[in-house]
Structure formats: structure tokens, C-alpha cells
N, C-alpha and C. Protein backbone atom coordinates (compact mmCIF):
# COMPACT_ATOMS: atom_id res chain seq x y z
N MET A 1 5.64 8.49 -12.02
CA MET A 1 6.97 9.11 -11.70
C MET A 1 6.71 9.52 -10.56
N ALA A 2 7.57 9.93 -9.66
CA ALA A 2 7.53 10.94 -7.71
C ALA A 2 8.13 12.00 -8.52
N ASP A 3 7.79 12.69 -8.15
CA ASP A 3 8.37 14.32 -8.15
C ASP A 3 9.55 14.12 -7.73
N ALA A 4 10.77 14.39 -8.57
CA ALA A 4 12.27 14.16 -8.04
C ALA A 4 12.54 15.38 -6.36
N ASP A 5 11.69 16.41 -6.66
CA ASP A 5 11.91 17.39 -5.28
C ASP A 5 11.32 16.71 -3.67
N TYR A 6 10.27 15.25 -4.01
CA TYR A 6 9.48 15.01 -3.13
C TYR A 6 10.14 14.12 -1.99
N GLU A 7 10.05 14.05 -1.41
CA GLU A 7 10.83 13.31 -0.15
C GLU A 7 10.57 12.75 0.98
N PRO A 8 9.90 12.06 0.92
CA PRO A 8 8.46 11.59 2.17
C PRO A 8 9.19 11.52 3.51
N ASP A 9 8.60 11.51 4.47
CA ASP A 9 9.44 11.70 5.81
C ASP A 9 9.54 10.25 6.68
N LEU A 10 8.64 9.29 6.03
CA LEU A 10 8.51 7.87 6.43
C LEU A 10 8.08 7.26 5.08
N VAL A 11 9.34 5.98 4.97
CA VAL A 11 9.77 5.24 4.07
C VAL A 11 10.31 3.84 4.34
N PRO A 12 8.67 3.31 4.25
CA PRO A 12 9.21 1.66 5.00
C PRO A 12 10.10 0.80 4.00
N GLU A 13 10.72 0.12 4.91
CA GLU A 13 11.93 -0.79 4.00
C GLU A 13 12.01 -1.94 4.29
N LEU A 14 11.26 -2.73 3.70
CA LEU A 14 10.80 -4.44 3.69
C LEU A 14 11.68 -5.20 3.25
N LEU A 15 12.30 -6.21 4.48
CA LEU A 15 13.13 -7.05 4.06
C LEU A 15 12.64 -8.30 3.30
N VAL A 16 13.44 -8.56 2.43
CA VAL A 16 12.32 -9.44 1.47
C VAL A 16 13.45 -10.91 1.31
N THR A 17 12.59 -11.70 0.53
CA THR A 17 13.58 -12.79 -0.02
C THR A 17 14.28 -12.92 -1.67
N ASP A 18 13.70 -12.44 -2.23
CA ASP A 18 14.54 -12.05 -3.43
C ASP A 18 14.04 -10.87 -3.91
N VAL A 19 15.32 -10.28 -3.79
CA VAL A 19 15.06 -8.68 -4.18
C VAL A 19 14.10 -8.28 -5.86
N ALA A 20 14.57 -9.10 -7.11
CA ALA A 20 14.11 -9.11 -8.45
C ALA A 20 12.57 -9.30 -8.17
N LYS A 21 12.27 -10.92 -8.06
CA LYS A 21 10.65 -11.25 -7.46
C LYS A 21 10.06 -10.37 -7.02
N SER A 22 10.48 -9.49 -5.76
CA SER A 22 9.93 -9.02 -5.19
C SER A 22 9.50 -7.41 -6.33
N VAL A 23 10.69 -6.91 -6.92
CA VAL A 23 10.40 -5.47 -7.65
C VAL A 23 9.83 -6.15 -8.86
N ASP A 24 9.51 -7.52 -9.34
CA ASP A 24 8.60 -7.53 -10.73
C ASP A 24 7.22 -7.69 -9.84
N PHE A 25 6.78 -8.36 -8.60
CA PHE A 25 6.01 -7.93 -8.33
C PHE A 25 5.32 -6.43 -7.99
N TRP A 26 5.75 -5.52 -7.42
CA TRP A 26 5.11 -4.27 -7.11
C TRP A 26 5.95 -3.23 -8.46
N CYS A 27 6.71 -3.74 -9.72
CA CYS A 27 6.44 -2.61 -10.10
C CYS A 27 5.87 -3.54 -11.56
N SER A 28 6.14 -4.35 -11.65
CA SER A 28 5.15 -5.04 -13.23
C SER A 28 3.78 -5.54 -13.00
N LEU A 29 3.04 -4.99 -11.56
CA LEU A 29 1.88 -5.69 -11.38
C LEU A 29 1.33 -4.69 -10.41
N CYS A 30 1.68 -3.96 -9.56
CA CYS A 30 1.32 -2.72 -8.86
C CYS A 30 1.38 -1.41 -9.41
N GLY A 31 2.65 -1.52 -10.50
CA GLY A 31 2.40 -0.10 -11.41
C GLY A 31 3.77 0.94 -10.51
N PHE A 32 4.41 0.69 -9.45
CA PHE A 32 5.90 1.19 -8.93
C PHE A 32 6.80 1.32 -10.22
N GLU A 33 7.88 2.15 -9.70
CA GLU A 33 9.04 1.90 -10.53
C GLU A 33 10.18 2.23 -9.68
N ILE A 34 11.40 1.66 -10.14
CA ILE A 34 12.35 1.77 -9.52
C ILE A 34 13.29 3.51 -9.85
N ALA A 35 12.95 4.28 -8.40
CA ALA A 35 13.52 5.32 -8.56
C ALA A 35 15.27 4.59 -8.47
N TYR A 36 15.95 3.90 -8.31
CA TYR A 36 17.21 3.70 -7.81
C TYR A 36 17.55 2.26 -7.43
N ASP A 37 18.10 1.81 -7.89
CA ASP A 37 18.64 0.48 -7.10
C ASP A 37 20.43 0.24 -7.13
N ARG A 38 20.57 -0.51 -6.51
CA ARG A 38 22.05 -1.51 -6.10
C ARG A 38 21.89 -2.80 -6.43
N PRO A 39 21.80 -3.72 -7.60
CA PRO A 39 21.73 -5.26 -7.50
C PRO A 39 22.81 -5.83 -6.38
N ALA A 40 23.96 -5.02 -6.63
CA ALA A 40 24.81 -5.87 -5.85
C ALA A 40 24.59 -6.20 -4.24
N GLU A 41 23.91 -5.19 -3.75
CA GLU A 41 23.71 -5.33 -2.54
C GLU A 41 22.31 -5.35 -1.81
N GLY A 42 21.63 -6.22 -3.43
CA GLY A 42 20.36 -6.21 -2.92
C GLY A 42 18.82 -5.32 -2.19
N PHE A 43 18.95 -4.24 -3.56
CA PHE A 43 18.43 -3.15 -2.96
C PHE A 43 17.40 -2.55 -3.78
N ALA A 44 16.47 -1.99 -3.47
CA ALA A 44 15.70 -0.91 -4.80
C ALA A 44 15.04 -0.28 -3.91
N TYR A 45 15.11 0.71 -4.43
CA TYR A 45 14.30 1.88 -3.67
C TYR A 45 12.92 2.67 -5.09
N ILE A 46 11.77 2.33 -4.71
CA ILE A 46 10.66 1.96 -5.65
C ILE A 46 9.28 3.39 -4.92
N THR A 47 9.36 3.43 -6.31
CA THR A 47 8.17 4.60 -5.64
C THR A 47 6.77 4.61 -6.32
N ARG A 48 5.71 5.19 -6.17
CA ARG A 48 4.68 5.03 -7.18
C ARG A 48 3.94 6.33 -6.90
N GLY A 49 3.85 7.38 -7.45
CA GLY A 49 3.50 8.84 -7.48
C GLY A 49 4.09 9.24 -5.82
N ARG A 50 3.74 10.02 -4.44
CA ARG A 50 3.87 10.23 -3.41
C ARG A 50 4.32 8.67 -2.61
N ALA A 51 3.46 7.55 -2.57
CA ALA A 51 4.00 6.58 -2.01
C ALA A 51 6.32 5.50 -2.15
N HIS A 52 6.58 5.67 -1.47
CA HIS A 52 7.44 5.15 -1.33
C HIS A 52 8.18 4.12 -0.32
N ILE A 53 8.73 3.09 -1.24
CA ILE A 53 9.23 1.84 -0.15
C ILE A 53 10.66 1.31 -0.85
N MET A 54 11.41 0.60 0.35
CA MET A 54 12.73 0.30 -0.12
C MET A 54 12.53 -1.00 -0.03
N LEU A 55 12.94 -2.21 -0.77
CA LEU A 55 13.28 -3.72 -0.51
C LEU A 55 14.53 -3.79 -0.60
N GLU A 56 14.89 -4.55 0.14
CA GLU A 56 16.55 -5.07 0.71
C GLU A 56 16.15 -6.39 0.64
N GLN A 57 17.29 -7.20 0.06
CA GLN A 57 16.90 -8.51 0.13
C GLN A 57 17.73 -8.96 1.55
N ARG A 58 17.34 -9.93 2.08
CA ARG A 58 17.80 -10.44 3.40
C ARG A 58 18.78 -11.53 3.19
N GLY A 59 19.50 -11.44 4.15
CA GLY A 59 21.40 -11.77 3.79
C GLY A 59 22.25 -10.97 3.14
N VAL A 60 22.12 -10.18 2.28
CA VAL A 60 22.58 -9.62 1.41
C VAL A 60 23.33 -7.87 1.88
N GLY A 61 22.15 -7.30 2.32
CA GLY A 61 22.72 -6.08 2.73
C GLY A 61 22.98 -6.13 4.19
N ARG A 62 22.78 -4.63 4.74
CA ARG A 62 22.53 -4.51 6.52
C ARG A 62 21.56 -5.59 7.07
N ASN A 63 20.34 -5.86 6.64
CA ASN A 63 19.32 -6.69 7.56
C ASN A 63 18.90 -6.42 9.00
N TRP A 64 19.00 -5.11 9.37
CA TRP A 64 18.58 -4.74 10.71
C TRP A 64 16.98 -5.25 11.19
N LEU A 65 17.93 -6.62 11.92
CA LEU A 65 16.75 -7.69 12.22
C LEU A 65 16.84 -7.31 14.14
N THR A 66 15.76 -7.07 14.79
CA THR A 66 15.50 -6.78 16.18
C THR A 66 14.93 -8.28 16.19
N GLN A 67 14.54 -9.34 15.80
CA GLN A 67 14.04 -10.79 16.24
C GLN A 67 14.65 -11.62 14.47
N GLU A 68 14.48 -12.93 14.84
CA GLU A 68 14.55 -14.16 13.88
C GLU A 68 13.04 -13.60 12.80
N LEU A 69 13.82 -13.68 11.83
CA LEU A 69 12.09 -13.45 10.88
C LEU A 69 12.13 -14.11 10.12
N ALA A 70 10.78 -14.59 10.30
CA ALA A 70 9.78 -15.79 9.78
C ALA A 70 8.61 -15.55 9.06
N SER A 71 8.30 -16.47 7.74
CA SER A 71 7.71 -16.14 6.89
C SER A 71 6.08 -16.74 7.24
N PRO A 72 4.35 -15.70 7.39
CA PRO A 72 5.17 -14.26 6.03
C PRO A 72 5.79 -12.97 7.05
N PHE A 73 6.45 -12.12 6.11
CA PHE A 73 6.76 -11.36 6.68
C PHE A 73 5.86 -9.97 6.55
N GLY A 74 5.97 -9.49 7.50
CA GLY A 74 5.50 -8.11 7.91
C GLY A 74 3.93 -8.62 8.60
N ARG A 75 3.87 -9.40 9.33
CA ARG A 75 2.56 -9.88 10.16
C ARG A 75 2.16 -8.77 11.10
N GLY A 76 0.52 -8.24 11.63
CA GLY A 76 0.08 -7.09 12.03
C GLY A 76 0.58 -6.02 11.74
N ILE A 77 1.20 -6.05 10.25
CA ILE A 77 0.95 -4.50 9.71
C ILE A 77 0.22 -4.51 8.16
N ASN A 78 -0.62 -3.55 7.55
CA ASN A 78 -0.42 -3.61 6.02
C ASN A 78 -0.58 -2.39 5.86
N PHE A 79 0.07 -2.36 4.39
CA PHE A 79 0.48 -1.31 4.13
C PHE A 79 -0.71 -0.39 3.12
N GLN A 80 -0.96 0.96 3.35
CA GLN A 80 -1.80 1.13 2.78
C GLN A 80 -1.58 2.10 1.47
N ILE A 81 -2.18 2.02 0.45
CA ILE A 81 -1.14 2.97 -1.17
C ILE A 81 -2.69 3.48 -1.43
N GLY A 82 -2.62 4.92 -1.86
CA GLY A 82 -4.12 5.82 -2.16
C GLY A 82 -3.26 5.43 -3.80
N VAL A 83 -3.98 5.17 -4.61
CA VAL A 83 -4.22 5.60 -5.82
C VAL A 83 -5.55 5.76 -6.95
N PRO A 84 -4.99 6.31 -8.12
CA PRO A 84 -6.51 7.31 -8.88
C PRO A 84 -7.06 5.99 -9.04
N GLU A 85 -6.59 4.75 -9.51
CA GLU A 85 -7.74 3.87 -10.10
C GLU A 85 -7.41 2.76 -9.33
N LEU A 86 -7.98 1.53 -9.27
CA LEU A 86 -7.89 0.46 -8.59
C LEU A 86 -8.02 -0.95 -10.12
N GLU A 87 -8.53 -0.56 -11.06
CA GLU A 87 -9.01 -1.36 -12.48
C GLU A 87 -7.47 -1.58 -12.93
N PRO A 88 -6.22 -0.79 -13.32
CA PRO A 88 -5.47 -1.20 -14.19
C PRO A 88 -4.24 -2.26 -12.90
N ILE A 89 -4.31 -2.48 -11.47
CA ILE A 89 -3.53 -2.79 -10.34
C ILE A 89 -4.63 -4.37 -10.49
N LEU A 90 -6.38 -4.31 -10.75
CA LEU A 90 -6.60 -5.80 -10.65
C LEU A 90 -6.26 -6.30 -11.57
N ALA A 91 -7.00 -5.38 -12.83
CA ALA A 91 -6.46 -6.15 -13.75
C ALA A 91 -5.02 -7.20 -14.27
N ALA A 92 -3.81 -6.54 -13.92
CA ALA A 92 -2.77 -7.16 -13.89
C ALA A 92 -2.45 -8.00 -12.85
N LEU A 93 -3.07 -7.80 -11.57
CA LEU A 93 -2.89 -9.02 -11.07
C LEU A 93 -3.88 -10.53 -11.27
N ALA A 94 -5.05 -10.13 -11.67
CA ALA A 94 -5.42 -11.09 -12.59
C ALA A 94 -5.04 -12.18 -13.56
N LYS A 95 -4.41 -11.08 -14.26
CA LYS A 95 -3.51 -11.77 -15.87
C LYS A 95 -2.84 -12.42 -15.04
N ALA A 96 -1.62 -12.11 -13.85
CA ALA A 96 -0.60 -12.40 -13.12
C ALA A 96 -1.25 -14.16 -12.38
N GLU A 97 -2.45 -14.34 -12.20
CA GLU A 97 -2.77 -15.19 -11.53
C GLU A 97 -2.28 -15.06 -9.76
N ARG A 98 -2.46 -13.89 -9.43
CA ARG A 98 -2.21 -13.41 -8.36
C ARG A 98 -3.56 -13.33 -7.71
N SER A 99 -3.86 -14.13 -6.69
CA SER A 99 -5.22 -14.05 -5.82
C SER A 99 -4.92 -12.86 -4.62
N LEU A 100 -6.34 -12.61 -4.46
CA LEU A 100 -6.40 -11.60 -3.41
C LEU A 100 -6.75 -11.73 -2.19
N PHE A 101 -6.16 -11.05 -1.53
CA PHE A 101 -6.48 -10.87 -0.06
C PHE A 101 -7.79 -11.15 0.50
N MET A 102 -8.48 -9.52 -0.12
CA MET A 102 -9.60 -9.04 0.23
C MET A 102 -9.74 -8.76 -0.99
N GLN A 103 -11.34 -9.06 -1.53
CA GLN A 103 -11.87 -8.47 -2.67
C GLN A 103 -12.10 -6.75 -2.66
N PRO A 104 -12.52 -6.53 -3.97
CA PRO A 104 -12.52 -5.04 -3.60
C PRO A 104 -13.72 -4.46 -3.15
N GLU A 105 -13.67 -3.98 -2.36
CA GLU A 105 -15.02 -3.06 -1.49
C GLU A 105 -15.30 -1.82 -1.14
N THR A 106 -16.28 -1.38 -0.86
CA THR A 106 -16.00 0.33 -1.07
C THR A 106 -16.56 0.22 0.95
N LYS A 107 -16.05 1.53 1.32
CA LYS A 107 -16.22 1.23 2.90
C LYS A 107 -15.91 2.81 2.80
N TRP A 108 -17.21 2.96 3.85
CA TRP A 108 -16.69 4.68 4.45
C TRP A 108 -16.11 4.51 6.23
N TYR A 109 -15.25 5.13 6.87
CA TYR A 109 -14.24 5.09 7.49
C TYR A 109 -14.94 6.94 7.94
N ARG A 110 -15.04 7.35 9.43
CA ARG A 110 -15.31 8.29 9.95
C ARG A 110 -14.44 8.99 9.95
N VAL A 111 -13.72 10.27 10.05
CA VAL A 111 -12.57 10.89 10.22
C VAL A 111 -13.44 12.28 10.82
N SER A 112 -14.40 12.43 11.49
CA SER A 112 -14.80 13.39 12.71
C SER A 112 -16.23 12.58 13.54
N ASP A 113 -16.60 13.84 13.93
CA ASP A 113 -18.29 14.02 14.60
C ASP A 113 -18.99 13.71 13.02
N SER A 114 -18.53 14.47 12.43
CA SER A 114 -19.78 15.07 11.32
C SER A 114 -19.36 14.57 9.67
N GLU A 115 -18.57 13.66 9.79
CA GLU A 115 -17.74 13.77 8.26
C GLU A 115 -16.90 12.28 8.09
N GLU A 116 -17.30 11.38 7.03
CA GLU A 116 -16.84 10.29 7.02
C GLU A 116 -16.08 10.36 5.73
N ALA A 117 -14.86 9.17 5.29
CA ALA A 117 -14.11 9.50 4.04
C ALA A 117 -14.66 8.30 3.89
N GLY A 118 -14.96 8.50 2.26
CA GLY A 118 -14.82 6.47 1.23
C GLY A 118 -14.16 6.49 0.28
N VAL A 119 -13.80 4.86 0.71
CA VAL A 119 -12.56 4.53 -0.20
C VAL A 119 -13.23 3.05 -1.17
N THR A 120 -13.04 2.78 -2.03
CA THR A 120 -12.95 1.52 -2.97
C THR A 120 -11.62 0.83 -2.61
N GLN A 121 -11.45 -0.21 -1.90
CA GLN A 121 -9.83 -0.80 -1.79
C GLN A 121 -10.10 -2.57 -1.58
N PHE A 122 -8.87 -2.82 -2.02
CA PHE A 122 -8.39 -3.95 -1.85
C PHE A 122 -7.65 -4.80 -1.38
N LEU A 123 -7.44 -5.95 -0.85
CA LEU A 123 -6.15 -6.41 -0.24
C LEU A 123 -5.10 -7.26 -1.10
N VAL A 124 -4.18 -6.87 -1.21
CA VAL A 124 -3.56 -8.36 -2.18
C VAL A 124 -1.79 -8.62 -1.13
N THR A 125 -1.19 -9.47 -1.05
CA THR A 125 -0.15 -10.22 -0.37
C THR A 125 0.62 -10.07 -1.56
N ASP A 126 2.48 -9.58 -0.83
CA ASP A 126 3.62 -9.38 -1.95
C ASP A 126 4.13 -11.13 -1.64
N PRO A 127 5.05 -11.27 -2.56
CA PRO A 127 6.20 -12.44 -2.18
C PRO A 127 6.13 -12.76 -1.06
N ASP A 128 6.30 -12.17 -0.28
CA ASP A 128 6.58 -12.54 1.06
C ASP A 128 6.13 -12.11 1.95
N GLY A 129 5.28 -12.14 1.97
CA GLY A 129 3.30 -12.06 2.63
C GLY A 129 3.16 -10.62 3.34
N TYR A 130 3.72 -9.75 2.95
CA TYR A 130 3.83 -8.14 3.68
C TYR A 130 2.30 -7.60 3.17
N LEU A 131 1.10 -7.45 3.69
CA LEU A 131 -0.42 -7.08 3.07
C LEU A 131 -0.05 -5.51 2.66
N ILE A 132 -0.58 -5.76 1.28
CA ILE A 132 -0.83 -4.54 1.06
C ILE A 132 -2.60 -3.78 0.38
N ARG A 133 -2.63 -3.11 0.85
CA ARG A 133 -3.84 -2.28 0.77
C ARG A 133 -4.14 -0.78 -0.13
N PHE A 134 -4.47 -1.64 -1.51
CA PHE A 134 -4.49 -0.61 -2.42
C PHE A 134 -6.07 -0.05 -2.01
N GLN A 135 -5.75 1.76 -2.64
CA GLN A 135 -7.51 2.06 -2.25
C GLN A 135 -7.51 3.43 -2.94
N SER A 136 -8.38 3.75 -3.28
CA SER A 136 -8.72 4.36 -4.39
C SER A 136 -10.49 5.82 -4.16
N SER A 137 -9.88 7.11 -3.59
CA SER A 137 -11.02 7.90 -2.77
C SER A 137 -12.01 8.04 -3.32
N ILE A 138 -13.23 7.49 -2.50
CA ILE A 138 -14.57 8.40 -3.18
C ILE A 138 -15.00 9.81 -3.00
N GLY A 139 -14.61 10.13 -2.10
CA GLY A 139 -14.84 11.39 -1.30
C GLY A 139 -15.20 11.88 0.04
N ARG A 140 -15.67 12.49 0.36
CA ARG A 140 -16.43 12.44 1.65
C ARG A 140 -17.81 12.81 1.70
N ARG A 141 -18.43 12.48 3.11
CA ARG A 141 -19.90 12.49 3.16
C ARG A 141 -20.15 13.04 4.46
N VAL A 142 -21.87 13.58 4.81
CA VAL A 142 -21.76 14.25 6.05
C VAL A 142 -22.52 12.80 6.45
N VAL A 143 -22.04 12.48 8.35
CA VAL A 143 -22.56 11.52 8.84
C VAL A 143 -23.80 11.72 8.76
N ALA A 144 -24.70 10.70 8.70
CA ALA A 144 -26.45 10.48 9.28
C ALA A 144 -26.73 11.13 10.61
N ALA A 145 -25.67 10.46 11.08
CA ALA A 145 -26.17 10.73 12.91
C ALA A 145 -26.19 12.50 12.63
N ALA A 146 -24.94 12.79 12.63
CA ALA A 146 -24.61 14.48 12.19
C ALA A 146 -25.90 15.24 12.00
N ILE A 147 -26.44 14.73 10.71
CA ILE A 147 -27.43 15.41 9.94
C ILE A 147 -28.91 15.40 11.25
N ALA A 148 -29.08 14.35 11.24
CA ALA A 148 -30.27 14.20 12.18
C ALA A 148 -29.89 15.12 13.88
N SER A 149 -28.40 15.31 14.30
CA SER A 149 -28.21 15.86 16.04
C SER A 149 -28.73 17.32 15.31
N ASP A 150 -28.33 17.88 14.01
CA ASP A 150 -27.92 19.30 13.56
C ASP A 150 -29.98 19.40 13.10
N ALA A 151 -30.91 18.79 13.21
CA ALA A 151 -32.05 18.61 12.73
C ALA A 151 -32.21 19.07 14.30
N LEU A 152 -32.26 18.08 15.28
CA LEU A 152 -33.04 18.31 16.55
C LEU A 152 -32.44 19.63 17.28
N SER A 153 -31.00 19.98 17.08
CA SER A 153 -30.77 21.03 17.53
C SER A 153 -31.34 22.36 17.87
N ASP A 154 -32.44 22.53 16.00
CA ASP A 154 -32.38 23.53 15.37
C ASP A 154 -33.68 24.15 15.89
N GLU A 155 -34.29 22.17 16.13
CA GLU A 155 -35.87 22.47 16.85
C GLU A 155 -36.40 23.35 18.36
């Protein structure tokens, strides 16, 4: 459960087809918890640690739309959610027979000229097609090119 005093500066609000179905996916399979909800308004605010998401059912609440909404929702975006372990989520998804968009992989990303951050990650889509990337940190390492450059400058 998220710290009651923690208020993130960015909380995406996802317009969904069926808020109950989305809450089931996010909470039962992905480990989120309902912080609060307003069922009559088709709304739920869910959290997992410091990750916060609002779910709003299409056609029930305010539904601030800039254009016509077409399935799959959220094209062109993926939500990265850091978790301590991927296995519990993967096991829940497998038990529910939910296919993954991308199988688990280990990837190193450059974060500076001399350092990379490593993650193990996978992608899954929620019931409305939003792309979710769960990732678990495996630490940081010095970039091999930086080591070679330092060796040359020492000569």
C-alpha cells in the first residue's frame, strides 16, 4: 500500500471500457490496491507502492476527450511500473491465461556517458489495450566504452 502522505506529481487517468474489469486486472493480477473509488461514477484510484493510476469508465464520468476514442486505447504510450519482483505478477497473469505483449528480458539502458542501468522487464496489455511495462532493477554498471576510454587516457 502506498504511503498515505505520498502524493505523486503525475498520475495518469486511463479511460476504460469497464472499470470493474480494469480494477480486476490491475488489482487481482498486477498487485495494485484500491486507494479509493466511486463506483456510481465509474471511477477508481489505484496504487502499488508509489505507482498511482486513476481509472475512469468511458461514458460514465467526465471523460475529457480531445478526439474520438478508438480501441485499443493508449496507442503510442507504455506505462513503466517499477516493482521489486516480476515473478508474482507473471504467475498471476499465467494463471489467468493472459498472454504477454513481450516476454521477460534483461536490458541495460545508458543513463550517462559512463553508466548503464539494468532491468528485467516484460510488457502486457490491460483489458483496453494500454501497454504496461513492469520492470525490476538489477543495478547499475560502468559502460565498457567508458572503461576503454579511461584506460587510453591513463596511458
